[in-house]
Amino acid sequence: MAPRHHKALLFRSVNERIASLAADLSRRSVQSDFEFHCECGTCQEWVMLPVDRFLAIADEPGAFVLAPDHPVPRARRARQEAAELREEAEALRAQAEHQKRRARNHVDPE
């Protein structure tokens, strides 16, 4: 395992523990944002996030907590673009089906 990847996994483990503790504190309404360690594997920066945002990132395959201005990994960017394209394709498909139904309703029977 590459050292950088190993560090990223270590920081994810640290962040999961922070999230667990933060969730307990959040239930007591202590604070809403917590500091999570950047998971790039090369820096020592911290990122302020609500616990639910961290959990959403942690649940997304290949997603990491990254400090501002850190580059988004190509694979993650490609997944985001693919998801956007799928949504657009589904919307276009729905529009096309709607137009087909409208056209069928307006055709004069001979």
Foldseek 3Di string as FASTA:
>chain_A
DDQQQVQLVVLLVVQVVVLVVVVVVVVVVPDFWDWGAWSRSPDGDTDIDGSVVSVVQVPDPPGTRHDPPDDRDPVVVVVVVVVVVVVVVVVVVVVVVVVVVVVVVPDDDD
